C-alpha atoms as a PDB file:
ATOM      1  CA  MET A   1     -12.387  50.724 -14.643  1.00  0.00           C
ATOM      2  CA  ILE A   2      -9.354  49.113 -12.815  1.00  0.00           C
ATOM      3  CA  LEU A   3     -11.508  49.040  -9.512  1.00  0.00           C
ATOM      4  CA  GLU A   4     -14.874  47.493 -11.987  1.00  0.00           C
ATOM      5  CA  GLY A   5     -12.395  45.007 -13.531  1.00  0.00           C
ATOM      6  CA  VAL A   6     -10.779  43.264  -9.806  1.00  0.00           C
ATOM      7  CA  VAL A   7     -14.643  43.162  -8.570  1.00  0.00           C
ATOM      8  CA  ILE A   8     -15.566  41.317 -11.674  1.00  0.00           C
ATOM      9  CA  LEU A   9     -12.933  39.064 -11.512  1.00  0.00           C
ATOM     10  CA  PHE A  10     -13.281  38.656  -7.706  1.00  0.00           C
ATOM     11  CA  VAL A  11     -16.961  37.850  -8.410  1.00  0.00           C
ATOM     12  CA  ILE A  12     -16.293  35.369 -11.117  1.00  0.00           C
ATOM     13  CA  GLY A  13     -13.331  33.433  -9.200  1.00  0.00           C
ATOM     14  CA  PHE A  14     -15.889  33.679  -6.358  1.00  0.00           C
ATOM     15  CA  ILE A  15     -18.478  32.026  -8.305  1.00  0.00           C
ATOM     16  CA  ALA A  16     -15.737  29.091  -9.813  1.00  0.00           C
ATOM     17  CA  VAL A  17     -14.971  28.272  -6.181  1.00  0.00           C
ATOM     18  CA  LEU A  18     -18.269  28.139  -5.318  1.00  0.00           C
ATOM     19  CA  PHE A  19     -19.421  25.560  -7.956  1.00  0.00           C
ATOM     20  CA  TYR A  20     -16.235  23.641  -7.538  1.00  0.00           C
ATOM     21  CA  LYS A  21     -17.047  23.134  -3.969  1.00  0.00           C
ATOM     22  CA  GLN A  22     -20.540  20.895  -4.815  1.00  0.00           C
ATOM     23  CA  ALA A  23     -20.230  17.549  -4.160  1.00  0.00           C
ATOM     24  CA  ASN A  24     -21.680  13.726  -5.334  1.00  0.00           C
ATOM     25  CA  GLU A  25     -23.760  12.901  -2.870  1.00  0.00           C
ATOM     26  CA  GLN A  26     -23.845   9.118  -4.145  1.00  0.00           C
ATOM     27  CA  PHE A  27     -21.003   6.515  -4.595  1.00  0.00           C
ATOM     28  CA  GLU A  28     -19.874   4.787  -7.768  1.00  0.00           C
ATOM     29  CA  ILE A  29     -16.653   3.509  -8.523  1.00  0.00           C
ATOM     30  CA  LEU A  30     -15.417   3.155 -12.313  1.00  0.00           C
ATOM     31  CA  GLN A  31     -12.827   0.694 -13.012  1.00  0.00           C
ATOM     32  CA  LEU A  32     -10.242   0.842 -15.982  1.00  0.00           C
ATOM     33  CA  GLU A  33      -6.843  -1.237 -16.914  1.00  0.00           C
ATOM     34  CA  ALA A  34      -3.606   0.658 -16.998  1.00  0.00           C
ATOM     35  CA  ASP A  35      -3.317   0.082 -21.132  1.00  0.00           C
ATOM     36  CA  ARG A  36      -6.359   2.443 -21.245  1.00  0.00           C
ATOM     37  CA  LEU A  37      -5.329   5.426 -19.310  1.00  0.00           C
ATOM     38  CA  HIS A  38      -5.483   7.656 -22.691  1.00  0.00           C
ATOM     39  CA  GLU A  39      -9.371   6.892 -21.935  1.00  0.00           C
ATOM     40  CA  LEU A  40      -8.898   8.925 -18.006  1.00  0.00           C
ATOM     41  CA  PRO A  41     -10.244  12.609 -19.244  1.00  0.00           C
ATOM     42  CA  THR A  42     -13.394  10.958 -20.378  1.00  0.00           C
ATOM     43  CA  LEU A  43     -14.316   9.964 -17.208  1.00  0.00           C
ATOM     44  CA  TYR A  44     -13.945  12.663 -15.050  1.00  0.00           C
ATOM     45  CA  GLY A  45     -17.238  14.116 -16.094  1.00  0.00           C
ATOM     46  CA  ASP A  46     -18.850  11.787 -13.793  1.00  0.00           C
ATOM     47  CA  HIS A  47     -17.064  13.081 -10.609  1.00  0.00           C
ATOM     48  CA  ALA A  48     -16.603   9.316  -9.327  1.00  0.00           C
ATOM     49  CA  PRO A  49     -13.439   7.497  -7.908  1.00  0.00           C
ATOM     50  CA  ILE A  50     -11.510   5.372 -10.586  1.00  0.00           C
ATOM     51  CA  VAL A  51      -9.798   2.077  -9.868  1.00  0.00           C
ATOM     52  CA  ILE A  52      -7.185   1.694 -12.292  1.00  0.00           C
ATOM     53  CA  ARG A  53      -5.595  -1.623 -12.312  1.00  0.00           C
ATOM     54  CA  SER A  54      -2.549  -3.794 -13.437  1.00  0.00           C
ATOM     55  CA  PHE A  55      -0.262  -0.781 -13.373  1.00  0.00           C
ATOM     56  CA  SER A  56       3.582  -1.813 -13.083  1.00  0.00           C
ATOM     57  CA  VAL A  57       4.938   0.569 -10.428  1.00  0.00           C
ATOM     58  CA  PRO A  58       8.489   0.847  -9.597  1.00  0.00           C
ATOM     59  CA  ASN A  59      10.293  -0.167  -6.619  1.00  0.00           C
ATOM     60  CA  LEU A  60      10.373   2.948  -5.073  1.00  0.00           C
ATOM     61  CA  GLY A  61       8.956   3.967  -2.034  1.00  0.00           C
ATOM     62  CA  ASN A  62       9.299   0.921   0.638  1.00  0.00           C
ATOM     63  CA  PHE A  63      10.814   0.188   3.731  1.00  0.00           C
ATOM     64  CA  ALA A  64      13.430  -1.945   2.257  1.00  0.00           C
ATOM     65  CA  GLU A  65      14.291   0.945  -0.255  1.00  0.00           C
ATOM     66  CA  LEU A  66      14.262   3.405   2.586  1.00  0.00           C
ATOM     67  CA  GLN A  67      16.808   1.376   4.980  1.00  0.00           C
ATOM     68  CA  LYS A  68      19.616   1.725   2.286  1.00  0.00           C
ATOM     69  CA  ARG A  69      19.168   5.629   3.160  1.00  0.00           C
ATOM     70  CA  LYS A  70      20.355   5.397   6.784  1.00  0.00           C
ATOM     71  CA  HIS A  71      20.769   9.281   6.561  1.00  0.00           C
ATOM     72  CA  ILE A  72      17.065   9.540   5.466  1.00  0.00           C
ATOM     73  CA  LEU A  73      16.277   7.218   8.842  1.00  0.00           C
ATOM     74  CA  GLN A  74      18.114   9.776  11.235  1.00  0.00           C
ATOM     75  CA  MET A  75      16.031  12.443   9.796  1.00  0.00           C
ATOM     76  CA  ALA A  76      14.391  14.292  13.100  1.00  0.00           C
ATOM     77  CA  ILE A  77      10.620  14.366  12.983  1.00  0.00           C
ATOM     78  CA  ALA A  78       9.663  15.851  16.302  1.00  0.00           C
ATOM     79  CA  PRO A  79      11.560  16.860  19.474  1.00  0.00           C
ATOM     80  CA  ASN A  80      13.596  13.685  20.432  1.00  0.00           C
ATOM     81  CA  LYS A  81      12.188  11.657  17.532  1.00  0.00           C
ATOM     82  CA  THR A  82      13.692  10.446  14.561  1.00  0.00           C
ATOM     83  CA  LEU A  83      12.248   9.170  11.580  1.00  0.00           C
ATOM     84  CA  TYR A  84      14.119   5.905  12.652  1.00  0.00           C
ATOM     85  CA  SER A  85      12.396   5.515  15.937  1.00  0.00           C
ATOM     86  CA  VAL A  86       8.783   5.949  14.308  1.00  0.00           C
ATOM     87  CA  LEU A  87       9.273   3.157  11.607  1.00  0.00           C
ATOM     88  CA  PHE A  88      10.676   0.461  13.774  1.00  0.00           C
ATOM     89  CA  ASN A  89       8.123   0.801  16.264  1.00  0.00           C
ATOM     90  CA  LYS A  90       4.977  -0.889  15.317  1.00  0.00           C
ATOM     91  CA  THR A  91       2.648   0.709  17.730  1.00  0.00           C
ATOM     92  CA  GLU A  92       4.415   3.836  17.877  1.00  0.00           C
ATOM     93  CA  LEU A  93       3.925   3.982  13.651  1.00  0.00           C
ATOM     94  CA  SER A  94       0.158   2.991  14.099  1.00  0.00           C
ATOM     95  CA  LYS A  95      -0.485   5.875  15.836  1.00  0.00           C
ATOM     96  CA  TRP A  96       2.339   8.891  14.421  1.00  0.00           C
ATOM     97  CA  VAL A  97       0.609  11.649  12.409  1.00  0.00           C
ATOM     98  CA  PHE A  98       2.713  12.287   9.867  1.00  0.00           C
ATOM     99  CA  ARG A  99       3.042  16.045   8.499  1.00  0.00           C
ATOM    100  CA  PRO A 100       2.600  16.542   4.846  1.00  0.00           C
ATOM    101  CA  GLU A 101       5.905  18.368   4.736  1.00  0.00           C
ATOM    102  CA  THR A 102       7.486  15.343   6.406  1.00  0.00           C
ATOM    103  CA  ALA A 103       5.557  12.817   3.665  1.00  0.00           C
ATOM    104  CA  SER A 104       6.384  15.292   0.780  1.00  0.00           C
ATOM    105  CA  PHE A 105      10.266  14.961   1.609  1.00  0.00           C
ATOM    106  CA  LEU A 106      10.216  11.412   1.756  1.00  0.00           C
ATOM    107  CA  ALA A 107       8.227  11.062  -1.673  1.00  0.00           C
ATOM    108  CA  LYS A 108      11.349  13.604  -3.199  1.00  0.00           C
ATOM    109  CA  GLU A 109      13.753  11.212  -1.900  1.00  0.00           C
ATOM    110  CA  ALA A 110      12.243   8.165  -2.929  1.00  0.00           C
ATOM    111  CA  GLY A 111      12.293   9.579  -6.392  1.00  0.00           C
ATOM    112  CA  LEU A 112       9.175   9.375  -6.709  1.00  0.00           C
ATOM    113  CA  ASN A 113       7.784  13.057  -7.320  1.00  0.00           C
ATOM    114  CA  ILE A 114      10.287  12.697 -10.535  1.00  0.00           C
ATOM    115  CA  TRP A 115       8.954   9.319 -11.568  1.00  0.00           C
ATOM    116  CA  PHE A 116       5.335  10.958 -11.309  1.00  0.00           C
ATOM    117  CA  LYS A 117       6.015  13.578 -13.435  1.00  0.00           C
ATOM    118  CA  GLN A 118       7.826  11.625 -15.954  1.00  0.00           C
ATOM    119  CA  THR A 119       5.543   8.708 -16.011  1.00  0.00           C
ATOM    120  CA  LEU A 120       2.020   9.357 -14.615  1.00  0.00           C
ATOM    121  CA  TYR A 121       1.497  13.292 -14.625  1.00  0.00           C
ATOM    122  CA  ASN A 122       0.279  14.118 -18.270  1.00  0.00           C
ATOM    123  CA  HIS A 123      -2.298  11.103 -18.331  1.00  0.00           C
ATOM    124  CA  PHE A 124      -4.204  12.664 -15.559  1.00  0.00           C
ATOM    125  CA  LEU A 125      -4.476  16.258 -17.545  1.00  0.00           C
ATOM    126  CA  PRO A 126      -8.264  16.814 -19.307  1.00  0.00           C
ATOM    127  CA  SER A 127      -5.878  18.240 -22.291  1.00  0.00           C
ATOM    128  CA  SER A 128      -2.133  18.577 -23.338  1.00  0.00           C
ATOM    129  CA  TYR A 129      -3.463  22.396 -24.019  1.00  0.00           C
ATOM    130  CA  THR A 130      -4.461  23.460 -20.656  1.00  0.00           C
ATOM    131  CA  SER A 131      -1.495  21.587 -19.001  1.00  0.00           C
ATOM    132  CA  TRP A 132       0.245  25.028 -18.211  1.00  0.00           C
ATOM    133  CA  LEU A 133      -2.429  25.687 -15.723  1.00  0.00           C
ATOM    134  CA  TYR A 134      -1.660  22.510 -13.559  1.00  0.00           C
ATOM    135  CA  SER A 135       0.513  21.738 -10.898  1.00  0.00           C
ATOM    136  CA  GLU A 136       1.363  18.627  -8.386  1.00  0.00           C
ATOM    137  CA  LYS A 137       2.141  17.567  -5.355  1.00  0.00           C
ATOM    138  CA  THR A 138       3.148  14.394  -4.500  1.00  0.00           C
ATOM    139  CA  PHE A 139       3.705  12.583  -0.728  1.00  0.00           C
ATOM    140  CA  LEU A 140       4.942   9.319   0.519  1.00  0.00           C
ATOM    141  CA  TYR A 141       3.325   7.771   3.458  1.00  0.00           C
ATOM    142  CA  PRO A 142       4.105   4.670   5.757  1.00  0.00           C
ATOM    143  CA  HIS A 143       1.043   3.036   7.344  1.00  0.00           C
ATOM    144  CA  HIS A 144      -1.496   5.676   7.160  1.00  0.00           C
ATOM    145  CA  ARG A 145      -2.983   9.021   6.769  1.00  0.00           C
ATOM    146  CA  GLY A 146      -5.524   9.898   8.654  1.00  0.00           C
ATOM    147  CA  LEU A 147      -8.988  11.600   7.731  1.00  0.00           C
ATOM    148  CA  PHE A 148      -8.844  14.440   5.247  1.00  0.00           C
ATOM    149  CA  LYS A 149     -10.714  15.973   2.667  1.00  0.00           C
ATOM    150  CA  THR A 150      -9.740  16.094  -1.294  1.00  0.00           C
ATOM    151  CA  THR A 151      -9.575  19.331  -2.614  1.00  0.00           C
ATOM    152  CA  ALA A 152      -7.312  18.937  -5.716  1.00  0.00           C
ATOM    153  CA  PHE A 153      -8.705  18.688  -9.097  1.00  0.00           C
ATOM    154  CA  GLN A 154      -7.726  14.769  -8.755  1.00  0.00           C
ATOM    155  CA  THR A 155      -5.847  12.929  -5.973  1.00  0.00           C
ATOM    156  CA  ILE A 156      -4.196   9.723  -6.694  1.00  0.00           C
ATOM    157  CA  ILE A 157      -3.398   7.320  -4.697  1.00  0.00           C
ATOM    158  CA  MET A 158      -0.975   4.208  -4.985  1.00  0.00           C
ATOM    159  CA  PRO A 159       0.684   1.539  -2.749  1.00  0.00           C
ATOM    160  CA  THR A 160       4.253   1.151  -2.679  1.00  0.00           C
ATOM    161  CA  GLN A 161       4.207  -2.189  -0.279  1.00  0.00           C
ATOM    162  CA  GLY A 162       1.422  -4.137   1.051  1.00  0.00           C
ATOM    163  CA  GLN A 163      -2.070  -3.424   0.697  1.00  0.00           C
ATOM    164  CA  ALA A 164      -3.710  -0.250   1.705  1.00  0.00           C
ATOM    165  CA  SER A 165      -6.993  -0.021   3.137  1.00  0.00           C
ATOM    166  CA  VAL A 166      -9.351   3.186   1.980  1.00  0.00           C
ATOM    167  CA  SER A 167     -12.341   4.564   3.161  1.00  0.00           C
ATOM    168  CA  LEU A 168     -14.310   7.118   1.056  1.00  0.00           C
ATOM    169  CA  ILE A 169     -17.128   9.262   3.188  1.00  0.00           C
ATOM    170  CA  LEU A 170     -19.603  11.341   1.294  1.00  0.00           C
ATOM    171  CA  GLN A 171     -19.049  15.045   2.085  1.00  0.00           C
ATOM    172  CA  ASN A 172     -22.350  15.614   3.526  1.00  0.00           C
ATOM    173  CA  SER A 173     -21.528  12.902   6.190  1.00  0.00           C
ATOM    174  CA  GLU A 174     -19.171  15.579   7.862  1.00  0.00           C
ATOM    175  CA  THR A 175     -21.576  16.537  10.514  1.00  0.00           C
ATOM    176  CA  TYR A 176     -21.473  13.233  12.064  1.00  0.00           C
ATOM    177  CA  LEU A 177     -17.897  13.169  12.359  1.00  0.00           C
ATOM    178  CA  PRO A 178     -16.253  14.518  15.745  1.00  0.00           C
ATOM    179  CA  PRO A 179     -15.604  17.997  15.607  1.00  0.00           C
ATOM    180  CA  LYS A 180     -12.059  17.402  15.179  1.00  0.00           C
ATOM    181  CA  TRP A 181     -12.077  14.733  13.103  1.00  0.00           C
ATOM    182  CA  ARG A 182      -8.881  15.748  10.511  1.00  0.00           C
ATOM    183  CA  GLU A 183      -6.003  13.411  10.845  1.00  0.00           C
ATOM    184  CA  GLN A 184      -7.771  11.178  13.155  1.00  0.00           C
ATOM    185  CA  GLN A 185      -8.161   7.162  11.970  1.00  0.00           C
ATOM    186  CA  PHE A 186     -11.662   6.803  10.689  1.00  0.00           C
ATOM    187  CA  LYS A 187     -11.682   2.972  12.340  1.00  0.00           C
ATOM    188  CA  LYS A 188     -10.624   4.058  15.487  1.00  0.00           C
ATOM    189  CA  ILE A 189     -12.995   6.611  15.940  1.00  0.00           C
ATOM    190  CA  THR A 190     -16.119   5.164  18.145  1.00  0.00           C
ATOM    191  CA  THR A 191     -19.602   6.330  19.104  1.00  0.00           C
ATOM    192  CA  LEU A 192     -17.917   7.942  22.107  1.00  0.00           C
ATOM    193  CA  ASP A 193     -16.380  10.294  19.990  1.00  0.00           C
ATOM    194  CA  THR A 194     -19.509  10.567  17.845  1.00  0.00           C
ATOM    195  CA  PRO A 195     -22.851   9.744  18.897  1.00  0.00           C
ATOM    196  CA  LEU A 196     -24.294   9.601  14.977  1.00  0.00           C
ATOM    197  CA  LEU A 197     -21.708   7.128  13.432  1.00  0.00           C
ATOM    198  CA  THR A 198     -23.739   4.855  12.273  1.00  0.00           C
ATOM    199  CA  GLN A 199     -25.195   7.425  10.021  1.00  0.00           C
ATOM    200  CA  ILE A 200     -21.853   7.905   8.320  1.00  0.00           C
ATOM    201  CA  LYS A 201     -21.918   6.737   4.578  1.00  0.00           C
ATOM    202  CA  PHE A 202     -19.152   5.347   3.594  1.00  0.00           C
ATOM    203  CA  VAL A 203     -17.112   2.739   1.331  1.00  0.00           C
ATOM    204  CA  GLU A 204     -14.190   0.716   1.495  1.00  0.00           C
ATOM    205  CA  VAL A 205     -11.238  -0.148  -1.198  1.00  0.00           C
ATOM    206  CA  LYS A 206      -9.034  -2.511  -0.914  1.00  0.00           C
ATOM    207  CA  LEU A 207      -5.881  -1.264  -2.598  1.00  0.00           C
ATOM    208  CA  LYS A 208      -2.351  -3.499  -3.526  1.00  0.00           C
ATOM    209  CA  LYS A 209       0.699  -2.758  -5.354  1.00  0.00           C
ATOM    210  CA  GLY A 210      -0.625  -2.620  -8.729  1.00  0.00           C
ATOM    211  CA  ASN A 211      -3.250  -0.651  -8.599  1.00  0.00           C
ATOM    212  CA  LEU A 212      -4.162   2.974  -8.150  1.00  0.00           C
ATOM    213  CA  LEU A 213      -7.231   5.279  -6.738  1.00  0.00           C
ATOM    214  CA  VAL A 214      -8.156   8.513  -8.391  1.00  0.00           C
ATOM    215  CA  LEU A 215     -10.399  10.580  -6.653  1.00  0.00           C
ATOM    216  CA  PRO A 216     -11.886  13.569  -7.360  1.00  0.00           C
ATOM    217  CA  ALA A 217     -12.353  16.764  -4.988  1.00  0.00           C
ATOM    218  CA  HIS A 218     -15.298  16.879  -1.870  1.00  0.00           C
ATOM    219  CA  LEU A 219     -14.483  13.211  -0.203  1.00  0.00           C
ATOM    220  CA  ILE A 220     -13.444  12.698   2.984  1.00  0.00           C
ATOM    221  CA  VAL A 221     -10.598  10.027   2.931  1.00  0.00           C
ATOM    222  CA  ASP A 222      -8.804   7.732   5.439  1.00  0.00           C
ATOM    223  CA  ILE A 223      -5.869   5.297   4.145  1.00  0.00           C
ATOM    224  CA  THR A 224      -4.405   2.494   6.381  1.00  0.00           C
ATOM    225  CA  THR A 225      -2.622  -0.490   6.808  1.00  0.00           C
ATOM    226  CA  ASP A 226      -4.802  -3.483   5.807  1.00  0.00           C
ATOM    227  CA  SER A 227      -2.554  -6.483   7.059  1.00  0.00           C
ATOM    228  CA  GLU A 228       0.007  -6.689  10.559  1.00  0.00           C
ATOM    229  CA  GLU A 229       2.930  -5.713   7.784  1.00  0.00           C
ATOM    230  CA  PRO A 230       2.880  -1.822   7.644  1.00  0.00           C
ATOM    231  CA  CYS A 231       1.672  -0.438   4.079  1.00  0.00           C
ATOM    232  CA  TRP A 232       3.631   2.480   2.225  1.00  0.00           C
ATOM    233  CA  PHE A 233       1.383   4.440  -0.358  1.00  0.00           C
ATOM    234  CA  PHE A 234       2.357   7.278  -2.487  1.00  0.00           C
ATOM    235  CA  LEU A 235      -0.042  10.195  -2.891  1.00  0.00           C
ATOM    236  CA  ALA A 236      -0.255  12.670  -5.353  1.00  0.00           C
ATOM    237  CA  GLU A 237      -2.600  15.892  -6.125  1.00  0.00           C
ATOM    238  CA  ILE A 238      -2.720  17.410  -9.339  1.00  0.00           C
ATOM    239  CA  HIS A 239      -4.252  20.988  -8.817  1.00  0.00           C
ATOM    240  CA  HIS A 240      -5.168  23.756 -11.417  1.00  0.00           C
ATOM    241  CA  PRO A 241      -5.975  27.398 -10.421  1.00  0.00           C
ATOM    242  CA  ILE A 242      -9.774  26.988  -9.021  1.00  0.00           C
ATOM    243  CA  SER A 243      -8.893  24.226  -6.715  1.00  0.00           C
ATOM    244  CA  LYS A 244      -5.818  26.078  -5.157  1.00  0.00           C
ATOM    245  CA  LEU A 245      -8.438  28.804  -4.088  1.00  0.00           C
ATOM    246  CA  ALA A 246     -11.009  26.244  -3.002  1.00  0.00           C
ATOM    247  CA  SER A 247      -7.899  24.623  -0.749  1.00  0.00           C
END
């Protein structure tokens, strides 16, 4: 009986993950004002990106604030490479790949993980009765994050400095990307990397401070700076048990 129970649970889990991995095949972007955050869960059924406008963003997670934390700037992020040496060199910064562990550390040092948990987190949960099922991960990126696929129940992007350009690519366009597309910057991919580049369906969303972008699972995403001055952006993932299994 125990073995049968385990098998049944495994099958249920497999089916749940399989259904969770079904992706949208068209773009529709919804908009919501910040004073209507309580309406967020009612929009989740559309599985569409949601732009939240006119949100009050704290003065956290930007370059000026980080410069006050000298010991953080001396953090080693690679052999013979410190965070200071990357951030103060625009050429180096534009091509550097920040590891999720580094971005997670920066979010914690900036205080954004606590701010998010206390201010925004509960608004993104479908119900207070199931809140115990959910957990969050937080990150802070300077300048850009290369291509990645959203796997969380919801992924939130919020500029903390400057303007970010977010490219959203449908999952069915993955076959047209280069074989090693993860962490590459989408705008730097050429037809020499993939001859079917023009077949990729995507939309570009411009985000400035005060705007949040909420993304469902199964989108391929690229985030980068949209001006001469590097933007900084906060990224949060909200997971439930199925999204953890599917990640």
